[in-house]
Protein backbone atom coordinates (compact mmCIF):
# COMPACT_ATOMS: atom_id res chain seq x y z
CA UNK A 1 0.25 -0.02 0.27
CA UNK A 2 1.59 3.15 -1.26
CA UNK A 3 0.94 6.61 1.05
CA UNK A 4 -1.28 7.56 -0.97
CA UNK A 5 -3.68 4.98 -0.67
CA UNK A 6 -3.08 5.15 2.71
CA UNK A 7 -3.87 8.56 4.06
CA UNK A 8 -6.40 8.64 1.47
CA UNK A 9 -4.97 11.05 -1.03
CA UNK A 10 -5.77 9.43 -4.58
CA UNK A 11 -4.13 12.24 -7.08
CA UNK A 12 -0.60 11.76 -6.93
CA UNK A 13 1.35 14.52 -8.17
CA UNK A 14 4.78 14.07 -10.23
CA UNK A 15 7.38 15.71 -9.05
CA UNK A 16 8.97 16.14 -12.70
CA UNK A 17 7.33 19.07 -14.78
CA UNK A 18 5.31 18.51 -17.98
CA UNK A 19 7.33 18.98 -21.09
CA UNK A 20 6.62 19.96 -24.84
CA UNK A 21 4.29 22.83 -26.21
CA UNK A 22 4.47 24.07 -29.45
CA UNK A 23 7.82 25.76 -29.22
CA UNK A 24 9.38 22.51 -28.49
CA UNK A 25 7.60 21.04 -31.54
CA UNK A 26 8.82 23.94 -33.98
CA UNK A 27 12.13 23.87 -32.59
CA UNK A 28 12.05 20.42 -33.23
CA UNK A 29 11.11 20.39 -36.42
CA UNK A 30 13.98 23.18 -37.52
CA UNK A 31 16.49 21.18 -36.31
CA UNK A 32 15.68 18.32 -38.60
CA UNK A 33 14.96 20.46 -41.48
CA UNK A 34 18.89 21.83 -41.18
CA UNK A 35 20.48 18.81 -40.28
CA UNK A 36 18.50 16.95 -43.01
CA UNK A 37 19.73 19.78 -45.73
CA UNK A 38 23.01 19.56 -44.63
CA UNK A 39 23.07 15.96 -44.98
CA UNK A 40 21.77 16.16 -48.45
CA UNK A 41 23.82 18.31 -49.28
CA UNK A 42 26.91 16.24 -48.15
CA UNK A 43 25.92 12.61 -50.22
CA UNK A 44 23.87 14.67 -53.47
CA UNK A 45 26.08 14.11 -56.58
CA UNK A 46 26.47 17.14 -57.73
CA UNK A 47 29.76 19.32 -58.13
CA UNK A 48 29.80 22.58 -55.88
CA UNK A 49 29.19 25.02 -58.56
CA UNK A 50 26.26 22.81 -59.23
CA UNK A 51 24.75 22.23 -56.14
CA UNK A 52 24.85 26.39 -55.70
CA UNK A 53 23.28 26.83 -58.37
CA UNK A 54 20.68 24.58 -57.34
CA UNK A 55 20.11 26.23 -53.87
CA UNK A 56 19.93 30.31 -55.74
CA UNK A 57 17.31 29.03 -57.99
CA UNK A 58 15.17 27.78 -54.98
CA UNK A 59 15.43 30.66 -53.40
CA UNK A 60 15.11 32.72 -55.91
CA UNK A 61 11.51 30.69 -56.62
CA UNK A 62 10.74 30.89 -52.76
CA UNK A 63 11.16 34.81 -52.80
CA UNK A 64 8.74 34.91 -55.83
CA UNK A 65 6.60 32.89 -54.74
CA UNK A 66 6.41 34.82 -51.65
CA UNK A 67 6.28 38.10 -53.42
CA UNK A 68 3.28 36.98 -55.02
CA UNK A 69 1.26 35.45 -52.55
CA UNK A 70 2.02 38.59 -50.26
CA UNK A 71 1.13 40.90 -53.56
CA UNK A 72 -2.84 38.08 -54.08
CA UNK A 73 -3.39 38.85 -49.75
CA UNK A 74 -2.83 42.45 -50.64
CA UNK A 75 -5.06 42.17 -53.58
CA UNK A 76 -7.68 40.45 -51.16
CA UNK A 77 -7.71 42.53 -48.46
CA UNK A 78 -8.08 45.86 -50.46
CA UNK A 79 -11.38 44.17 -51.90
CA UNK A 80 -12.90 43.20 -48.73
CA UNK A 81 -12.41 46.85 -47.55
CA UNK A 82 -14.17 48.08 -50.27
CA UNK A 83 -17.15 45.47 -50.44
CA UNK A 84 -16.98 46.54 -46.37
CA UNK A 85 -17.10 50.44 -47.94
CA UNK A 86 -19.96 49.30 -50.08
CA UNK A 87 -22.20 47.63 -47.91
CA UNK A 88 -21.95 50.98 -44.50
């Protein structure tokens, strides 16, 4: 019989605080992505110049995509504002 049962306390408290949360999940996700990218660069069959060019193209594509999405979002926001003003 444990002390909790002996004294009638049925809720056992843990001395170890709970860990986790979204912050840790994001942190480990980014660490894993970084490690995966480093390993991929080390074992790739491309030369250094080809690898850098591929990275450069990916970076440019990502920037273009972000710019386009930002433009679309601004346009949608402007349309919503115009629509709201017409209703009011």
